Amino acid sequence: MAEQCAWLIAWGEGVDPAAQLVAGAARQYGLTVKGQHWPEKEQQAWLVSAQEAAQANASVVLLVIPAALYAKPETRRALALFRLLLQSLRKRQIDAVVLPQGERPAQDAAPARPGVGVLNDWLVVGPTDKWVARAVARAHAPAKSSLPLQLSVYAQERLGVWFELRPHTTEVLKGMLAGVSGAGADITFHAVGPSGRLPDKSVNEYELRGLKFDALGMEFKAWGLQNHLDSKQSYFIRLEGEPDVLAFGELPGGEPSDVDFVYLN
């Protein structure tokens, strides 16, 4: 197996000198550093970037980026999809150290919102923080995922972009519902199958398509079905667009139970 590496992403103008310093510091602690300039002008840049990082056996990400750019929802959405796809390809948790450059934009305190963000557990450090040892630790022993479900991404030119959803429980799930919101996202197909790969076929029971509901001040477009899913099965949805928020829950008796939220932005 190829040697694992720290994957350094330099994103934005004027970050090259800082990225070089970060790479040098990581190498002094024994990390092999590989990486890229984020291909901003490329469509679905997160897809190409995750594939390159996976091929390099990335075990931790070092992100050097202007603070104002990192604060943008579209930036965070792309990084969330990058992380989910990279984790799916590497079949392991991938943590990151974020080193924002320049003055951070002033922001009002964000209201508390239910759910968890895909990037919430990435470590954001200041210029004087001693971050390298923590990056080494995360490269060798990544922290446990903070998400309430197994959330994987599959992206293929012929089949499109899919999410795999499997809540963290050993109990049989009585159906599943998934909804997406933001950035014109929608669901165009769904299936049930063995966890860890896209299913070859699926028998969908009592499907619900094209549902809409409001939550958190947003409109969600949702699909669902009433298949019972055992601990080795997952619910798969094919995406159109790139959502800001994912909602999911069980669907016992055709009615949604408590819904959880995962933020990509």
C-alpha atoms as a PDB file:
ATOM      1  CA  MET A   1       0.000   0.000   0.000  1.00  0.00           C
ATOM      2  CA  ALA A   2       1.242   3.469  -0.901  1.00  0.00           C
ATOM      3  CA  GLU A   3       2.385   5.742   1.887  1.00  0.00           C
ATOM      4  CA  GLN A   4      -0.307   7.909   3.422  1.00  0.00           C
ATOM      5  CA  CYS A   5       0.009  11.672   3.132  1.00  0.00           C
ATOM      6  CA  ALA A   6      -1.258  14.998   4.359  1.00  0.00           C
ATOM      7  CA  TRP A   7      -3.244  16.562   1.511  1.00  0.00           C
ATOM      8  CA  LEU A   8      -2.528  20.293   1.302  1.00  0.00           C
ATOM      9  CA  ILE A   9      -5.152  22.460  -0.412  1.00  0.00           C
ATOM     10  CA  ALA A  10      -4.200  26.024  -1.323  1.00  0.00           C
ATOM     11  CA  TRP A  11      -7.391  27.883  -2.226  1.00  0.00           C
ATOM     12  CA  GLY A  12      -7.528  31.531  -3.215  1.00  0.00           C
ATOM     13  CA  GLU A  13      -5.197  34.340  -4.176  1.00  0.00           C
ATOM     14  CA  GLY A  14      -2.075  35.131  -2.204  1.00  0.00           C
ATOM     15  CA  VAL A  15      -2.000  31.957  -0.100  1.00  0.00           C
ATOM     16  CA  ASP A  16       1.039  30.291  -1.691  1.00  0.00           C
ATOM     17  CA  PRO A  17       3.656  31.606   0.788  1.00  0.00           C
ATOM     18  CA  ALA A  18       1.542  30.482   3.741  1.00  0.00           C
ATOM     19  CA  ALA A  19       0.933  27.099   2.096  1.00  0.00           C
ATOM     20  CA  GLN A  20       4.682  26.594   1.677  1.00  0.00           C
ATOM     21  CA  LEU A  21       5.237  27.329   5.367  1.00  0.00           C
ATOM     22  CA  VAL A  22       2.478  24.892   6.321  1.00  0.00           C
ATOM     23  CA  ALA A  23       3.984  22.168   4.126  1.00  0.00           C
ATOM     24  CA  GLY A  24       7.426  22.718   5.677  1.00  0.00           C
ATOM     25  CA  ALA A  25       6.075  22.539   9.211  1.00  0.00           C
ATOM     26  CA  ALA A  26       4.181  19.321   8.461  1.00  0.00           C
ATOM     27  CA  ARG A  27       7.250  17.677   6.924  1.00  0.00           C
ATOM     28  CA  GLN A  28       9.298  18.489  10.028  1.00  0.00           C
ATOM     29  CA  TYR A  29       6.857  16.308  11.975  1.00  0.00           C
ATOM     30  CA  GLY A  30       7.303  13.412   9.567  1.00  0.00           C
ATOM     31  CA  LEU A  31       4.221  13.911   7.404  1.00  0.00           C
ATOM     32  CA  THR A  32       4.500  13.343   3.682  1.00  0.00           C
ATOM     33  CA  VAL A  33       2.816  16.324   2.028  1.00  0.00           C
ATOM     34  CA  LYS A  34       1.085  16.282  -1.340  1.00  0.00           C
ATOM     35  CA  GLY A  35      -1.639  18.548  -2.606  1.00  0.00           C
ATOM     36  CA  GLN A  36      -3.160  20.944  -5.062  1.00  0.00           C
ATOM     37  CA  HIS A  37      -4.448  24.376  -5.841  1.00  0.00           C
ATOM     38  CA  TRP A  38      -8.213  24.096  -5.628  1.00  0.00           C
ATOM     39  CA  PRO A  39      -9.495  24.130  -9.254  1.00  0.00           C
ATOM     40  CA  GLU A  40     -12.023  26.929  -8.731  1.00  0.00           C
ATOM     41  CA  LYS A  41     -13.026  27.252 -12.378  1.00  0.00           C
ATOM     42  CA  GLU A  42     -13.710  23.556 -12.839  1.00  0.00           C
ATOM     43  CA  GLN A  43     -17.288  22.296 -12.611  1.00  0.00           C
ATOM     44  CA  GLN A  44     -17.732  19.997  -9.596  1.00  0.00           C
ATOM     45  CA  ALA A  45     -14.188  20.807  -8.478  1.00  0.00           C
ATOM     46  CA  TRP A  46     -14.846  18.870  -5.264  1.00  0.00           C
ATOM     47  CA  LEU A  47     -15.240  15.636  -7.257  1.00  0.00           C
ATOM     48  CA  VAL A  48     -11.911  15.866  -9.082  1.00  0.00           C
ATOM     49  CA  SER A  49     -10.129  17.081  -5.947  1.00  0.00           C
ATOM     50  CA  ALA A  50     -11.429  14.209  -3.798  1.00  0.00           C
ATOM     51  CA  GLN A  51     -10.433  11.641  -6.413  1.00  0.00           C
ATOM     52  CA  GLU A  52      -6.891  13.070  -6.573  1.00  0.00           C
ATOM     53  CA  ALA A  53      -6.611  13.118  -2.774  1.00  0.00           C
ATOM     54  CA  ALA A  54      -7.845   9.527  -2.536  1.00  0.00           C
ATOM     55  CA  GLN A  55      -5.335   8.365  -5.153  1.00  0.00           C
ATOM     56  CA  ALA A  56      -2.597   9.978  -3.044  1.00  0.00           C
ATOM     57  CA  ASN A  57      -3.826   8.128   0.093  1.00  0.00           C
ATOM     58  CA  ALA A  58      -4.668  11.317   1.948  1.00  0.00           C
ATOM     59  CA  SER A  59      -5.160  10.684   5.663  1.00  0.00           C
ATOM     60  CA  VAL A  60      -5.573  14.297   6.807  1.00  0.00           C
ATOM     61  CA  VAL A  61      -6.280  17.571   5.007  1.00  0.00           C
ATOM     62  CA  LEU A  62      -4.421  20.863   5.496  1.00  0.00           C
ATOM     63  CA  LEU A  63      -6.473  23.745   4.105  1.00  0.00           C
ATOM     64  CA  VAL A  64      -4.857  27.155   3.534  1.00  0.00           C
ATOM     65  CA  ILE A  65      -7.550  29.618   2.484  1.00  0.00           C
ATOM     66  CA  PRO A  66      -8.510  33.287   2.939  1.00  0.00           C
ATOM     67  CA  ALA A  67     -10.764  33.608   5.972  1.00  0.00           C
ATOM     68  CA  ALA A  68     -13.425  35.488   4.022  1.00  0.00           C
ATOM     69  CA  LEU A  69     -13.550  32.745   1.381  1.00  0.00           C
ATOM     70  CA  TYR A  70     -13.854  29.971   3.971  1.00  0.00           C
ATOM     71  CA  ALA A  71     -16.847  31.758   5.492  1.00  0.00           C
ATOM     72  CA  LYS A  72     -18.856  31.605   2.248  1.00  0.00           C
ATOM     73  CA  PRO A  73     -21.622  28.947   2.174  1.00  0.00           C
ATOM     74  CA  GLU A  74     -20.733  27.861  -1.374  1.00  0.00           C
ATOM     75  CA  THR A  75     -17.122  27.252  -0.300  1.00  0.00           C
ATOM     76  CA  ARG A  76     -18.178  25.176   2.670  1.00  0.00           C
ATOM     77  CA  ARG A  77     -20.654  23.213   0.580  1.00  0.00           C
ATOM     78  CA  ALA A  78     -17.910  22.277  -1.893  1.00  0.00           C
ATOM     79  CA  LEU A  79     -15.565  21.287   0.938  1.00  0.00           C
ATOM     80  CA  ALA A  80     -18.291  19.209   2.591  1.00  0.00           C
ATOM     81  CA  LEU A  81     -18.881  17.270  -0.628  1.00  0.00           C
ATOM     82  CA  PHE A  82     -15.108  16.916  -1.073  1.00  0.00           C
ATOM     83  CA  ARG A  83     -14.810  15.457   2.416  1.00  0.00           C
ATOM     84  CA  LEU A  84     -17.742  13.059   2.049  1.00  0.00           C
ATOM     85  CA  LEU A  85     -16.489  11.724  -1.278  1.00  0.00           C
ATOM     86  CA  LEU A  86     -12.903  11.424  -0.042  1.00  0.00           C
ATOM     87  CA  GLN A  87     -14.073   9.510   3.021  1.00  0.00           C
ATOM     88  CA  SER A  88     -16.178   7.235   0.834  1.00  0.00           C
ATOM     89  CA  LEU A  89     -13.228   6.503  -1.451  1.00  0.00           C
ATOM     90  CA  ARG A  90     -10.783   5.995   1.426  1.00  0.00           C
ATOM     91  CA  LYS A  91     -13.343   4.176   3.619  1.00  0.00           C
ATOM     92  CA  ARG A  92     -12.226   6.082   6.700  1.00  0.00           C
ATOM     93  CA  GLN A  93     -12.823   9.345   8.522  1.00  0.00           C
ATOM     94  CA  ILE A  94     -10.803  12.247   7.109  1.00  0.00           C
ATOM     95  CA  ASP A  95     -10.149  15.157   9.449  1.00  0.00           C
ATOM     96  CA  ALA A  96      -8.625  18.500   8.569  1.00  0.00           C
ATOM     97  CA  VAL A  97      -6.730  21.457   9.940  1.00  0.00           C
ATOM     98  CA  VAL A  98      -7.983  24.744   8.481  1.00  0.00           C
ATOM     99  CA  LEU A  99      -5.515  27.635   8.467  1.00  0.00           C
ATOM    100  CA  PRO A 100      -7.507  30.748   7.474  1.00  0.00           C
ATOM    101  CA  GLN A 101      -5.454  33.668   6.171  1.00  0.00           C
ATOM    102  CA  GLY A 102      -6.173  37.340   6.716  1.00  0.00           C
ATOM    103  CA  GLU A 103      -8.782  39.045   8.829  1.00  0.00           C
ATOM    104  CA  ARG A 104     -11.879  37.020   9.538  1.00  0.00           C
ATOM    105  CA  PRO A 105     -15.096  38.740   8.441  1.00  0.00           C
ATOM    106  CA  ALA A 106     -17.236  40.198  11.191  1.00  0.00           C
ATOM    107  CA  GLN A 107     -20.336  38.096  11.659  1.00  0.00           C
ATOM    108  CA  ASP A 108     -23.338  38.276  13.893  1.00  0.00           C
ATOM    109  CA  ALA A 109     -23.680  35.350  16.239  1.00  0.00           C
ATOM    110  CA  ALA A 110     -25.434  32.624  14.279  1.00  0.00           C
ATOM    111  CA  PRO A 111     -28.611  31.315  15.884  1.00  0.00           C
ATOM    112  CA  ALA A 112     -28.436  27.793  17.208  1.00  0.00           C
ATOM    113  CA  ARG A 113     -29.826  25.321  14.690  1.00  0.00           C
ATOM    114  CA  PRO A 114     -30.715  21.676  15.185  1.00  0.00           C
ATOM    115  CA  GLY A 115     -28.505  19.092  13.574  1.00  0.00           C
ATOM    116  CA  VAL A 116     -24.793  18.977  12.788  1.00  0.00           C
ATOM    117  CA  GLY A 117     -22.509  20.274  10.030  1.00  0.00           C
ATOM    118  CA  VAL A 118     -20.250  18.090   7.892  1.00  0.00           C
ATOM    119  CA  LEU A 119     -17.333  20.459   8.619  1.00  0.00           C
ATOM    120  CA  ASN A 120     -18.110  21.145  12.286  1.00  0.00           C
ATOM    121  CA  ASP A 121     -15.283  18.941  13.559  1.00  0.00           C
ATOM    122  CA  TRP A 122     -12.588  20.311  11.265  1.00  0.00           C
ATOM    123  CA  LEU A 123      -9.983  22.091  13.376  1.00  0.00           C
ATOM    124  CA  VAL A 124      -9.746  25.837  12.604  1.00  0.00           C
ATOM    125  CA  VAL A 125      -6.526  27.298  14.010  1.00  0.00           C
ATOM    126  CA  GLY A 126      -5.017  30.729  14.449  1.00  0.00           C
ATOM    127  CA  PRO A 127      -1.550  31.860  13.301  1.00  0.00           C
ATOM    128  CA  THR A 128       0.067  31.170  16.681  1.00  0.00           C
ATOM    129  CA  ASP A 129      -1.649  27.869  17.454  1.00  0.00           C
ATOM    130  CA  LYS A 130       0.496  24.754  17.687  1.00  0.00           C
ATOM    131  CA  TRP A 131      -1.464  22.694  15.206  1.00  0.00           C
ATOM    132  CA  VAL A 132       1.061  20.300  13.643  1.00  0.00           C
ATOM    133  CA  ALA A 133       1.046  17.676  16.390  1.00  0.00           C
ATOM    134  CA  ARG A 134      -2.754  17.613  16.259  1.00  0.00           C
ATOM    135  CA  ALA A 135      -2.640  17.143  12.484  1.00  0.00           C
ATOM    136  CA  VAL A 136      -0.277  14.193  12.914  1.00  0.00           C
ATOM    137  CA  ALA A 137      -2.600  12.655  15.488  1.00  0.00           C
ATOM    138  CA  ARG A 138      -5.603  13.024  13.188  1.00  0.00           C
ATOM    139  CA  ALA A 139      -3.668  11.526  10.288  1.00  0.00           C
ATOM    140  CA  HIS A 140      -2.968   8.357  12.255  1.00  0.00           C
ATOM    141  CA  ALA A 141      -6.053   8.137  14.486  1.00  0.00           C
ATOM    142  CA  PRO A 142      -8.912  10.243  13.144  1.00  0.00           C
ATOM    143  CA  ALA A 143     -11.620  11.332  15.536  1.00  0.00           C
ATOM    144  CA  LYS A 144     -14.937   9.523  15.504  1.00  0.00           C
ATOM    145  CA  SER A 145     -17.492  11.030  13.132  1.00  0.00           C
ATOM    146  CA  SER A 146     -19.858  13.539  14.707  1.00  0.00           C
ATOM    147  CA  LEU A 147     -22.590  12.875  12.135  1.00  0.00           C
ATOM    148  CA  PRO A 148     -25.709  10.999  13.268  1.00  0.00           C
ATOM    149  CA  LEU A 149     -25.535   8.677  10.267  1.00  0.00           C
ATOM    150  CA  GLN A 150     -23.227   7.047   7.798  1.00  0.00           C
ATOM    151  CA  LEU A 151     -23.289   9.579   4.968  1.00  0.00           C
ATOM    152  CA  SER A 152     -21.323   8.551   1.896  1.00  0.00           C
ATOM    153  CA  VAL A 153     -21.081  10.025  -1.587  1.00  0.00           C
ATOM    154  CA  TYR A 154     -20.829   8.136  -4.863  1.00  0.00           C
ATOM    155  CA  ALA A 155     -20.112  10.095  -8.030  1.00  0.00           C
ATOM    156  CA  GLN A 156     -19.937   8.492 -11.451  1.00  0.00           C
ATOM    157  CA  GLU A 157     -20.320  10.100 -14.858  1.00  0.00           C
ATOM    158  CA  ARG A 158     -22.945   7.597 -16.011  1.00  0.00           C
ATOM    159  CA  LEU A 159     -24.881   7.222 -12.753  1.00  0.00           C
ATOM    160  CA  GLY A 160     -24.649  10.750 -11.335  1.00  0.00           C
ATOM    161  CA  VAL A 161     -24.114  11.829  -7.723  1.00  0.00           C
ATOM    162  CA  TRP A 162     -25.662   9.761  -4.914  1.00  0.00           C
ATOM    163  CA  PHE A 163     -25.879   9.991  -1.132  1.00  0.00           C
ATOM    164  CA  GLU A 164     -25.900   6.848   0.974  1.00  0.00           C
ATOM    165  CA  LEU A 165     -27.784   7.223   4.271  1.00  0.00           C
ATOM    166  CA  ARG A 166     -27.569   4.785   7.153  1.00  0.00           C
ATOM    167  CA  PRO A 167     -28.407   6.083  10.668  1.00  0.00           C
ATOM    168  CA  HIS A 168     -26.150   4.787  13.453  1.00  0.00           C
ATOM    169  CA  THR A 169     -28.368   2.033  14.840  1.00  0.00           C
ATOM    170  CA  THR A 170     -28.443  -1.735  14.759  1.00  0.00           C
ATOM    171  CA  GLU A 171     -32.231  -1.731  14.819  1.00  0.00           C
ATOM    172  CA  VAL A 172     -34.320  -2.387  11.725  1.00  0.00           C
ATOM    173  CA  LEU A 173     -35.431   0.921  10.189  1.00  0.00           C
ATOM    174  CA  LYS A 174     -39.108   1.159   9.320  1.00  0.00           C
ATOM    175  CA  GLY A 175     -38.704   2.987   6.051  1.00  0.00           C
ATOM    176  CA  MET A 176     -36.623   6.075   5.247  1.00  0.00           C
ATOM    177  CA  LEU A 177     -37.306   9.645   4.208  1.00  0.00           C
ATOM    178  CA  ALA A 178     -34.717  12.056   2.798  1.00  0.00           C
ATOM    179  CA  GLY A 179     -35.100  15.688   1.838  1.00  0.00           C
ATOM    180  CA  VAL A 180     -32.717  18.297   0.416  1.00  0.00           C
ATOM    181  CA  SER A 181     -32.800  22.079   0.466  1.00  0.00           C
ATOM    182  CA  GLY A 182     -30.844  24.918  -1.074  1.00  0.00           C
ATOM    183  CA  ALA A 183     -28.954  25.725  -4.271  1.00  0.00           C
ATOM    184  CA  GLY A 184     -31.713  24.275  -6.476  1.00  0.00           C
ATOM    185  CA  ALA A 185     -31.054  20.755  -5.225  1.00  0.00           C
ATOM    186  CA  ASP A 186     -33.545  17.948  -5.751  1.00  0.00           C
ATOM    187  CA  ILE A 187     -33.810  14.155  -5.597  1.00  0.00           C
ATOM    188  CA  THR A 188     -34.328  12.277  -8.874  1.00  0.00           C
ATOM    189  CA  PHE A 189     -34.186   8.589  -7.868  1.00  0.00           C
ATOM    190  CA  HIS A 190     -33.835   6.368  -4.815  1.00  0.00           C
ATOM    191  CA  ALA A 191     -33.053   2.781  -3.889  1.00  0.00           C
ATOM    192  CA  VAL A 192     -32.302   0.389  -1.027  1.00  0.00           C
ATOM    193  CA  GLY A 193     -29.358  -1.983  -0.996  1.00  0.00           C
ATOM    194  CA  PRO A 194     -26.323  -3.345   0.854  1.00  0.00           C
ATOM    195  CA  SER A 195     -24.294  -0.666   2.640  1.00  0.00           C
ATOM    196  CA  GLY A 196     -20.996   0.384   1.111  1.00  0.00           C
ATOM    197  CA  ARG A 197     -21.829   0.403  -2.604  1.00  0.00           C
ATOM    198  CA  LEU A 198     -24.520   1.500  -5.020  1.00  0.00           C
ATOM    199  CA  PRO A 199     -27.148  -1.229  -5.391  1.00  0.00           C
ATOM    200  CA  ASP A 200     -27.454  -3.142  -8.652  1.00  0.00           C
ATOM    201  CA  LYS A 201     -31.223  -3.315  -8.215  1.00  0.00           C
ATOM    202  CA  SER A 202     -33.856  -2.334  -5.680  1.00  0.00           C
ATOM    203  CA  VAL A 203     -37.437  -3.309  -4.946  1.00  0.00           C
ATOM    204  CA  ASN A 204     -38.976  -0.140  -3.501  1.00  0.00           C
ATOM    205  CA  GLU A 205     -42.033  -0.521  -1.293  1.00  0.00           C
ATOM    206  CA  TYR A 206     -44.735   2.145  -1.046  1.00  0.00           C
ATOM    207  CA  GLU A 207     -42.697   4.913  -2.586  1.00  0.00           C
ATOM    208  CA  LEU A 208     -43.301   8.588  -1.917  1.00  0.00           C
ATOM    209  CA  ARG A 209     -41.918  11.012  -4.482  1.00  0.00           C
ATOM    210  CA  GLY A 210     -41.887  14.757  -4.903  1.00  0.00           C
ATOM    211  CA  LEU A 211     -42.845  15.580  -1.335  1.00  0.00           C
ATOM    212  CA  LYS A 212     -42.308  19.096  -0.014  1.00  0.00           C
ATOM    213  CA  PHE A 213     -42.125  20.311   3.565  1.00  0.00           C
ATOM    214  CA  ASP A 214     -40.894  23.399   5.397  1.00  0.00           C
ATOM    215  CA  ALA A 215     -38.433  23.272   8.284  1.00  0.00           C
ATOM    216  CA  LEU A 216     -35.848  25.668   9.721  1.00  0.00           C
ATOM    217  CA  GLY A 217     -37.296  28.371   7.483  1.00  0.00           C
ATOM    218  CA  MET A 218     -36.386  26.384   4.344  1.00  0.00           C
ATOM    219  CA  GLU A 219     -38.303  24.326   1.834  1.00  0.00           C
ATOM    220  CA  PHE A 220     -37.226  20.707   1.459  1.00  0.00           C
ATOM    221  CA  LYS A 221     -37.860  18.435  -1.516  1.00  0.00           C
ATOM    222  CA  ALA A 222     -38.153  14.869  -0.289  1.00  0.00           C
ATOM    223  CA  TRP A 223     -38.570  11.250  -1.312  1.00  0.00           C
ATOM    224  CA  GLY A 224     -39.214   8.212   0.833  1.00  0.00           C
ATOM    225  CA  LEU A 225     -40.128   4.545   0.890  1.00  0.00           C
ATOM    226  CA  GLN A 226     -41.310   2.014   3.441  1.00  0.00           C
ATOM    227  CA  ASN A 227     -38.809  -0.809   2.969  1.00  0.00           C
ATOM    228  CA  HIS A 228     -37.558  -2.221   6.269  1.00  0.00           C
ATOM    229  CA  LEU A 229     -33.778  -1.780   6.339  1.00  0.00           C
ATOM    230  CA  ASP A 230     -31.651  -4.072   8.472  1.00  0.00           C
ATOM    231  CA  SER A 231     -28.252  -3.075   9.897  1.00  0.00           C
ATOM    232  CA  LYS A 232     -26.445  -4.028   6.681  1.00  0.00           C
ATOM    233  CA  GLN A 233     -28.643  -1.994   4.349  1.00  0.00           C
ATOM    234  CA  SER A 234     -28.743   1.688   3.421  1.00  0.00           C
ATOM    235  CA  TYR A 235     -31.023   4.161   1.683  1.00  0.00           C
ATOM    236  CA  PHE A 236     -29.596   5.742  -1.477  1.00  0.00           C
ATOM    237  CA  ILE A 237     -30.770   8.959  -3.162  1.00  0.00           C
ATOM    238  CA  ARG A 238     -29.599  10.388  -6.479  1.00  0.00           C
ATOM    239  CA  LEU A 239     -29.079  14.146  -6.436  1.00  0.00           C
ATOM    240  CA  GLU A 240     -29.687  16.943  -8.847  1.00  0.00           C
ATOM    241  CA  GLY A 241     -27.642  19.958  -7.816  1.00  0.00           C
ATOM    242  CA  GLU A 242     -25.711  20.309  -4.564  1.00  0.00           C
ATOM    243  CA  PRO A 243     -27.797  20.725  -1.390  1.00  0.00           C
ATOM    244  CA  ASP A 244     -27.060  23.016   1.516  1.00  0.00           C
ATOM    245  CA  VAL A 245     -28.991  20.873   3.989  1.00  0.00           C
ATOM    246  CA  LEU A 246     -29.991  17.216   4.158  1.00  0.00           C
ATOM    247  CA  ALA A 247     -32.978  16.074   6.232  1.00  0.00           C
ATOM    248  CA  PHE A 248     -33.599  12.423   7.031  1.00  0.00           C
ATOM    249  CA  GLY A 249     -35.690  10.202   9.248  1.00  0.00           C
ATOM    250  CA  GLU A 250     -37.648   6.988   9.465  1.00  0.00           C
ATOM    251  CA  LEU A 251     -41.001   6.595   7.750  1.00  0.00           C
ATOM    252  CA  PRO A 252     -43.067   4.203   9.877  1.00  0.00           C
ATOM    253  CA  GLY A 253     -46.569   3.687   8.528  1.00  0.00           C
ATOM    254  CA  GLY A 254     -45.907   6.177   5.734  1.00  0.00           C
ATOM    255  CA  GLU A 255     -45.595   9.128   8.123  1.00  0.00           C
ATOM    256  CA  PRO A 256     -42.214  10.740   8.885  1.00  0.00           C
ATOM    257  CA  SER A 257     -40.897  10.369  12.410  1.00  0.00           C
ATOM    258  CA  ASP A 258     -38.448  12.841  13.989  1.00  0.00           C
ATOM    259  CA  VAL A 259     -36.286  14.383  11.281  1.00  0.00           C
ATOM    260  CA  ASP A 260     -32.561  15.097  11.727  1.00  0.00           C
ATOM    261  CA  PHE A 261     -30.560  17.651   9.779  1.00  0.00           C
ATOM    262  CA  VAL A 262     -27.033  17.640   8.316  1.00  0.00           C
ATOM    263  CA  TYR A 263     -25.585  20.918   6.979  1.00  0.00           C
ATOM    264  CA  LEU A 264     -23.176  21.043   4.088  1.00  0.00           C
ATOM    265  CA  ASN A 265     -22.792  24.818   4.321  1.00  0.00           C
END
